[in-house]
Amino acid sequence: MSSSSLLRSPSNLPPATALQLAQHAPKILENSPGAVSTSALESLFSATETPELWIIYENLLLSCLRTGDEQSAHHCLGRLVNRFGDDNERIMALIGLLKEADAEDNATLEVVLKEYEQILENDPTNIPITKRRAALLRSLGRVSDAVTALIALLDFSPTDSEAWSELADLYFSQGLYSQAIFALEEILVLQPNAWNIHARLGEMLLMAAKTSQQTDASKQLSEALKRFCRSVELCDDYLRGYYGLKLTTKQLLSDTKKSTKLPESGGLSLPDAATLRKLDGLATEKLGEITRRFSAGERGWQGYDEAEIAAARELLEKEGGITVR
């Protein structure tokens, strides 16, 4: 079992890796410090503490919840509560998360929601609980309430990139593209080199262009092209960046053929048709390389999502009639 996997957030792990971590949870817990400690004081004297240890416990807890191993998740929580206490903000959120996982119906989830609201009455600035409340509201189908909760959070914590990202996703789920785009732009103010956010913003702009008037659509396509280019500039092998780049150049070239000239972009300069074709060729080449190397099982090329690989392969085969193996 790779120690690096234990130190990575489970949300960033492929499903197979998260499942493998959860399957090894009992053995990891048995061999980890704190296995026999019954109090915080005893824990301090019985094992050498490192920040990585508690990161491992938290990430293992989340992996176990992701794969349905709630028993091991509770064991991990017990270690964390034993060390930090149940009044620690982060621990309070993990306790609430396990209660949500244990809930058998919406009525029980509503009880958990009321507990969150009670905590926030006493401490309105408890960010982990505020985020859990917003997530629970969303899972209960109360999307507008979740949006309101996140906006309230961002009022007193405007530099919270995670909250902006969740807000963008909520807006997108409602088809509110301009609001989703604004939220993603706020993330880029905080993290200008986040290539995944550049690509995500490009995807939002590309989808918004499909429902916009011609002038607005051309402007959005131009901006999407810039975002995808920036994404792959920052991360040379980022599949989603190249996938979006190919879709955007394909759309712009198609618009050019229909009108015999490049569409107006509302003040943003567009590359000429020759440059667009070069960008399209680059995206095609890189997507082909990524899918081939992934399929061949080459070392260093296995971190991609299989669904994204399948989508890239389908796009290439549809575009050129070439089977990518």
Protein backbone atom coordinates (compact mmCIF):
# COMPACT_ATOMS: atom_id res chain seq x y z
CA MET A 1 0.00 0.00 0.00
CA SER A 2 1.48 3.32 -1.09
CA SER A 3 1.93 5.82 1.74
CA SER A 4 1.40 8.65 -0.76
CA SER A 5 -2.14 7.38 -1.37
CA LEU A 6 -2.87 7.60 2.34
CA LEU A 7 -1.77 11.23 2.39
CA ARG A 8 -3.90 12.25 -0.59
CA SER A 9 -7.50 13.37 -0.23
CA PRO A 10 -9.82 10.48 -1.21
CA SER A 11 -11.75 12.83 -3.49
CA ASN A 12 -8.62 13.00 -5.65
CA LEU A 13 -8.13 9.23 -5.77
CA PRO A 14 -9.47 6.91 -8.49
CA PRO A 15 -12.31 4.70 -7.21
CA ALA A 16 -10.13 1.57 -7.40
CA THR A 17 -7.44 3.16 -5.21
CA ALA A 18 -9.99 4.37 -2.66
CA LEU A 19 -11.49 0.87 -2.53
CA GLN A 20 -8.04 -0.63 -2.00
CA LEU A 21 -7.38 1.76 0.89
CA ALA A 22 -10.69 0.90 2.52
CA GLN A 23 -10.02 -2.82 2.18
CA HIS A 24 -6.70 -2.39 3.99
CA ALA A 25 -8.21 -0.16 6.69
CA PRO A 26 -8.40 -2.82 9.46
CA LYS A 27 -4.74 -3.76 8.97
CA ILE A 28 -3.64 -0.12 8.79
CA LEU A 29 -5.52 0.69 11.99
CA GLU A 30 -4.10 -2.34 13.77
CA ASN A 31 -0.52 -1.39 12.90
CA SER A 32 -0.85 2.36 13.40
CA PRO A 33 0.00 4.29 16.58
CA GLY A 34 -2.90 4.76 18.94
CA ALA A 35 -4.30 1.27 18.45
CA VAL A 36 -4.49 0.58 22.16
CA SER A 37 -4.71 4.13 23.56
CA THR A 38 -7.80 4.95 25.58
CA SER A 39 -7.17 8.61 26.37
CA ALA A 40 -5.51 11.66 24.88
CA LEU A 41 -2.85 11.60 27.61
CA GLU A 42 -2.04 7.93 27.02
CA SER A 43 -1.93 8.55 23.28
CA LEU A 44 0.65 11.27 23.72
CA PHE A 45 2.95 9.03 25.74
CA SER A 46 2.42 5.78 23.85
CA ALA A 47 3.35 6.82 20.32
CA THR A 48 5.32 9.35 18.39
CA GLU A 49 2.94 11.87 16.91
CA THR A 50 3.31 13.27 13.43
CA PRO A 51 0.94 15.49 11.43
CA GLU A 52 0.90 12.81 8.75
CA LEU A 53 -0.61 10.28 11.17
CA TRP A 54 -3.76 12.33 11.67
CA ILE A 55 -4.01 13.10 7.95
CA ILE A 56 -3.89 9.35 7.34
CA TYR A 57 -6.69 8.70 9.83
CA GLU A 58 -8.90 11.39 8.31
CA ASN A 59 -8.26 10.31 4.72
CA LEU A 60 -8.79 6.68 5.64
CA LEU A 61 -12.08 7.61 7.29
CA LEU A 62 -13.23 9.33 4.11
CA SER A 63 -12.13 6.43 1.92
CA CYS A 64 -14.04 3.99 4.12
CA LEU A 65 -17.18 6.11 3.90
CA ARG A 66 -16.76 6.33 0.13
CA THR A 67 -16.72 2.54 -0.12
CA GLY A 68 -19.34 1.78 2.52
CA ASP A 69 -17.07 0.52 5.31
CA GLU A 70 -18.68 2.52 8.09
CA GLN A 71 -17.26 0.33 10.86
CA SER A 72 -13.66 1.19 9.97
CA ALA A 73 -14.70 4.82 9.50
CA HIS A 74 -15.95 4.88 13.10
CA HIS A 75 -12.66 3.39 14.29
CA CYS A 76 -10.77 6.18 12.51
CA LEU A 77 -13.09 8.78 14.02
CA GLY A 78 -12.50 7.32 17.47
CA ARG A 79 -8.73 7.86 17.09
CA LEU A 80 -9.28 11.45 15.98
CA VAL A 81 -11.77 12.26 18.75
CA ASN A 82 -9.45 10.66 21.29
CA ARG A 83 -6.64 12.97 20.17
CA PHE A 84 -8.40 16.27 19.42
CA GLY A 85 -11.68 16.07 21.35
CA ASP A 86 -15.23 16.31 20.06
CA ASP A 87 -15.32 20.12 20.32
CA ASN A 88 -12.69 20.60 17.61
CA GLU A 89 -14.38 22.20 14.57
CA ARG A 90 -12.94 19.74 12.07
CA ILE A 91 -13.80 16.77 14.26
CA MET A 92 -17.35 18.08 14.72
CA ALA A 93 -17.77 18.06 10.95
CA LEU A 94 -16.45 14.49 10.70
CA ILE A 95 -18.84 13.39 13.45
CA GLY A 96 -21.69 14.96 11.50
CA LEU A 97 -20.52 13.29 8.30
CA LEU A 98 -20.67 9.85 9.92
CA LYS A 99 -24.13 10.62 11.29
CA GLU A 100 -25.21 11.46 7.75
CA ALA A 101 -23.74 8.19 6.52
CA ASP A 102 -25.54 6.24 9.25
CA ALA A 103 -28.89 7.93 8.56
CA GLU A 104 -31.47 5.59 7.06
CA ASP A 105 -33.97 8.19 5.85
CA ASN A 106 -34.50 11.91 5.26
CA ALA A 107 -36.15 12.35 8.65
CA THR A 108 -32.89 11.31 10.34
CA LEU A 109 -30.94 13.63 8.07
CA GLU A 110 -33.22 16.48 9.10
CA VAL A 111 -32.26 15.77 12.72
CA VAL A 112 -28.58 16.04 11.77
CA LEU A 113 -29.34 19.28 9.93
CA LYS A 114 -30.94 20.71 13.09
CA GLU A 115 -27.81 19.74 15.04
CA TYR A 116 -25.70 21.68 12.53
CA GLU A 117 -27.98 24.69 12.89
CA GLN A 118 -27.75 24.52 16.67
CA ILE A 119 -23.95 24.47 16.48
CA LEU A 120 -24.00 27.47 14.14
CA GLU A 121 -26.30 29.40 16.46
CA ASN A 122 -23.57 29.15 19.07
CA ASP A 123 -20.73 29.73 16.59
CA PRO A 124 -21.79 31.22 13.22
CA THR A 125 -18.17 31.18 12.00
CA ASN A 126 -17.72 27.40 12.29
CA ILE A 127 -16.63 26.86 8.68
CA PRO A 128 -16.48 23.02 8.61
CA ILE A 129 -20.03 22.77 9.99
CA THR A 130 -21.26 25.48 7.61
CA LYS A 131 -19.91 23.44 4.71
CA ARG A 132 -21.47 20.23 5.99
CA ARG A 133 -24.80 22.02 6.37
CA ALA A 134 -24.62 23.27 2.78
CA ALA A 135 -23.73 19.78 1.52
CA LEU A 136 -26.57 18.21 3.49
CA LEU A 137 -29.05 20.78 2.19
CA ARG A 138 -28.00 19.91 -1.33
CA SER A 139 -28.36 16.17 -0.73
CA LEU A 140 -31.89 16.83 0.59
CA GLY A 141 -32.74 18.60 -2.65
CA ARG A 142 -32.83 22.07 -1.09
CA VAL A 143 -30.47 23.60 -3.63
CA SER A 144 -31.53 27.23 -3.16
CA ASP A 145 -30.97 26.91 0.61
CA ALA A 146 -27.55 25.39 -0.05
CA VAL A 147 -26.68 28.34 -2.30
CA THR A 148 -27.80 30.77 0.41
CA ALA A 149 -25.68 28.94 2.98
CA LEU A 150 -22.57 29.11 0.78
CA ILE A 151 -23.09 32.78 0.00
CA ALA A 152 -23.33 33.46 3.74
CA LEU A 153 -20.11 31.52 4.27
CA LEU A 154 -18.32 33.49 1.56
CA ASP A 155 -19.48 36.75 3.14
CA PHE A 156 -17.17 36.11 6.10
CA SER A 157 -14.65 33.86 4.33
CA PRO A 158 -14.30 35.22 0.76
CA THR A 159 -11.00 33.42 0.13
CA ASP A 160 -12.46 29.92 0.55
CA SER A 161 -11.80 28.30 -2.85
CA GLU A 162 -13.64 25.12 -1.90
CA ALA A 163 -16.81 27.09 -1.13
CA TRP A 164 -16.56 28.99 -4.42
CA SER A 165 -16.14 25.69 -6.27
CA GLU A 166 -19.20 24.16 -4.62
CA LEU A 167 -21.19 27.31 -5.33
CA ALA A 168 -20.17 27.15 -9.01
CA ASP A 169 -21.32 23.54 -9.18
CA LEU A 170 -24.67 24.39 -7.60
CA TYR A 171 -25.24 27.25 -10.04
CA PHE A 172 -24.29 24.97 -12.93
CA SER A 173 -26.77 22.31 -11.78
CA GLN A 174 -29.49 24.95 -12.10
CA GLY A 175 -28.34 26.07 -15.55
CA LEU A 176 -27.16 29.44 -14.20
CA TYR A 177 -24.03 29.62 -16.33
CA SER A 178 -23.12 33.28 -15.78
CA GLN A 179 -23.22 32.86 -11.99
CA ALA A 180 -21.21 29.62 -12.20
CA ILE A 181 -18.63 31.34 -14.41
CA PHE A 182 -18.34 34.21 -11.93
CA ALA A 183 -17.72 31.77 -9.05
CA LEU A 184 -14.98 29.97 -10.99
CA GLU A 185 -13.35 33.29 -11.87
CA GLU A 186 -13.21 34.05 -8.15
CA ILE A 187 -11.26 30.84 -7.63
CA LEU A 188 -8.75 31.87 -10.30
CA VAL A 189 -8.23 35.17 -8.51
CA LEU A 190 -7.12 33.10 -5.52
CA GLN A 191 -5.38 30.32 -7.47
CA PRO A 192 -4.33 31.69 -10.87
CA ASN A 193 -2.30 28.60 -11.77
CA ALA A 194 -5.04 26.03 -11.07
CA TRP A 195 -5.10 24.32 -14.47
CA ASN A 196 -8.16 22.23 -13.59
CA ILE A 197 -10.16 25.37 -12.79
CA HIS A 198 -9.08 27.00 -16.06
CA ALA A 199 -10.36 23.92 -17.89
CA ARG A 200 -13.57 23.81 -15.84
CA LEU A 201 -14.18 27.47 -16.63
CA GLY A 202 -13.58 26.69 -20.30
CA GLU A 203 -16.19 23.92 -20.11
CA MET A 204 -18.73 26.28 -18.54
CA LEU A 205 -18.11 28.89 -21.24
CA LEU A 206 -18.40 26.26 -23.96
CA MET A 207 -21.75 25.08 -22.62
CA ALA A 208 -22.99 28.65 -22.13
CA ALA A 209 -22.15 29.41 -25.76
CA LYS A 210 -24.61 26.75 -26.91
CA THR A 211 -27.52 28.67 -25.39
CA SER A 212 -26.37 32.25 -26.12
CA GLN A 213 -26.99 34.70 -28.93
CA GLN A 214 -24.39 34.75 -31.72
CA THR A 215 -22.34 37.69 -30.41
CA ASP A 216 -22.29 36.41 -26.83
CA ALA A 217 -21.59 32.85 -28.01
CA SER A 218 -18.58 33.99 -30.04
CA LYS A 219 -17.22 35.90 -27.06
CA GLN A 220 -17.70 32.87 -24.81
CA LEU A 221 -16.01 30.55 -27.32
CA SER A 222 -13.08 32.94 -27.55
CA GLU A 223 -12.75 33.03 -23.77
CA ALA A 224 -13.12 29.23 -23.57
CA LEU A 225 -10.30 28.83 -26.08
CA LYS A 226 -8.07 31.03 -23.93
CA ARG A 227 -8.91 29.06 -20.78
CA PHE A 228 -8.24 25.67 -22.34
CA CYS A 229 -4.95 26.90 -23.78
CA ARG A 230 -3.91 28.21 -20.38
CA SER A 231 -4.91 24.91 -18.78
CA VAL A 232 -2.65 22.79 -21.00
CA GLU A 233 0.11 25.39 -20.77
CA LEU A 234 0.13 24.89 -17.01
CA CYS A 235 -0.26 21.08 -17.21
CA ASP A 236 1.07 19.58 -20.43
CA ASP A 237 -0.75 16.24 -20.13
CA TYR A 238 -4.12 17.43 -18.79
CA LEU A 239 -6.70 15.39 -20.70
CA ARG A 240 -9.72 17.60 -19.96
CA GLY A 241 -7.83 20.64 -21.17
CA TYR A 242 -7.02 19.05 -24.52
CA TYR A 243 -10.52 17.60 -24.83
CA GLY A 244 -12.08 21.02 -24.33
CA LEU A 245 -9.52 22.62 -26.64
CA LYS A 246 -10.48 20.25 -29.43
CA LEU A 247 -14.21 20.82 -28.95
CA THR A 248 -13.73 24.59 -28.97
CA THR A 249 -11.48 24.74 -32.04
CA LYS A 250 -13.84 22.38 -33.84
CA GLN A 251 -16.77 24.69 -33.09
CA LEU A 252 -14.88 27.83 -34.13
CA LEU A 253 -13.67 26.23 -37.37
CA SER A 254 -17.21 25.07 -38.10
CA ASP A 255 -18.51 28.62 -37.56
CA THR A 256 -15.79 29.90 -39.87
CA LYS A 257 -16.85 27.56 -42.67
CA LYS A 258 -20.46 28.67 -42.36
CA SER A 259 -19.69 32.38 -42.49
CA THR A 260 -16.44 32.29 -44.55
CA LYS A 261 -14.79 34.38 -41.82
CA LEU A 262 -14.06 34.13 -38.14
CA PRO A 263 -17.00 35.09 -35.90
CA GLU A 264 -16.92 38.37 -34.02
CA SER A 265 -15.77 37.83 -30.46
CA GLY A 266 -17.05 40.94 -28.73
CA GLY A 267 -13.65 42.62 -28.50
CA LEU A 268 -11.58 39.52 -27.68
CA SER A 269 -9.13 38.67 -30.43
CA LEU A 270 -9.48 35.25 -32.04
CA PRO A 271 -6.64 33.36 -33.75
CA ASP A 272 -6.89 33.02 -37.49
CA ALA A 273 -8.18 29.81 -39.08
CA ALA A 274 -4.65 28.47 -39.65
CA THR A 275 -3.80 28.86 -35.96
CA LEU A 276 -7.08 27.23 -34.96
CA ARG A 277 -6.24 24.25 -37.16
CA LYS A 278 -2.81 23.97 -35.51
CA LEU A 279 -4.42 24.04 -32.07
CA ASP A 280 -6.90 21.40 -33.20
CA GLY A 281 -4.04 19.24 -34.47
CA LEU A 282 -2.15 19.65 -31.20
CA ALA A 283 -5.22 18.62 -29.18
CA THR A 284 -5.77 15.61 -31.44
CA GLU A 285 -2.14 14.54 -31.11
CA LYS A 286 -2.05 14.86 -27.33
CA LEU A 287 -5.40 13.09 -26.83
CA GLY A 288 -4.15 10.28 -29.01
CA GLU A 289 -0.91 10.02 -27.02
CA ILE A 290 -2.70 10.01 -23.66
CA THR A 291 -5.24 7.35 -24.68
CA ARG A 292 -2.57 5.12 -26.26
CA ARG A 293 -0.20 5.29 -23.30
CA PHE A 294 -3.01 4.77 -20.81
CA SER A 295 -4.32 1.77 -22.74
CA ALA A 296 -0.80 0.33 -22.98
CA GLY A 297 -0.46 0.53 -19.20
CA GLU A 298 2.65 2.68 -19.37
CA ARG A 299 4.06 3.78 -16.06
CA GLY A 300 3.24 7.38 -15.21
CA TRP A 301 0.18 7.44 -17.47
CA GLN A 302 -2.33 5.60 -15.26
CA GLY A 303 -3.76 8.46 -13.21
CA TYR A 304 -6.52 9.31 -15.66
CA ASP A 305 -10.22 8.66 -15.13
CA GLU A 306 -11.34 5.75 -17.31
CA ALA A 307 -14.56 7.52 -18.29
CA GLU A 308 -12.56 10.52 -19.53
CA ILE A 309 -10.25 8.23 -21.48
CA ALA A 310 -13.28 6.57 -23.07
CA ALA A 311 -14.76 9.97 -24.00
CA ALA A 312 -11.47 11.09 -25.56
CA ARG A 313 -11.18 7.85 -27.53
CA GLU A 314 -14.75 8.22 -28.81
CA LEU A 315 -14.12 11.82 -29.85
CA LEU A 316 -11.00 10.87 -31.79
CA GLU A 317 -12.65 7.94 -33.49
CA LYS A 318 -15.67 10.03 -34.45
CA GLU A 319 -13.48 12.85 -35.71
CA GLY A 320 -11.05 10.87 -37.84
CA GLY A 321 -12.53 7.42 -38.14
CA ILE A 322 -9.39 6.07 -36.49
CA THR A 323 -9.56 3.40 -33.82
CA VAL A 324 -7.40 4.35 -30.84
CA ARG A 325 -6.00 1.32 -29.06
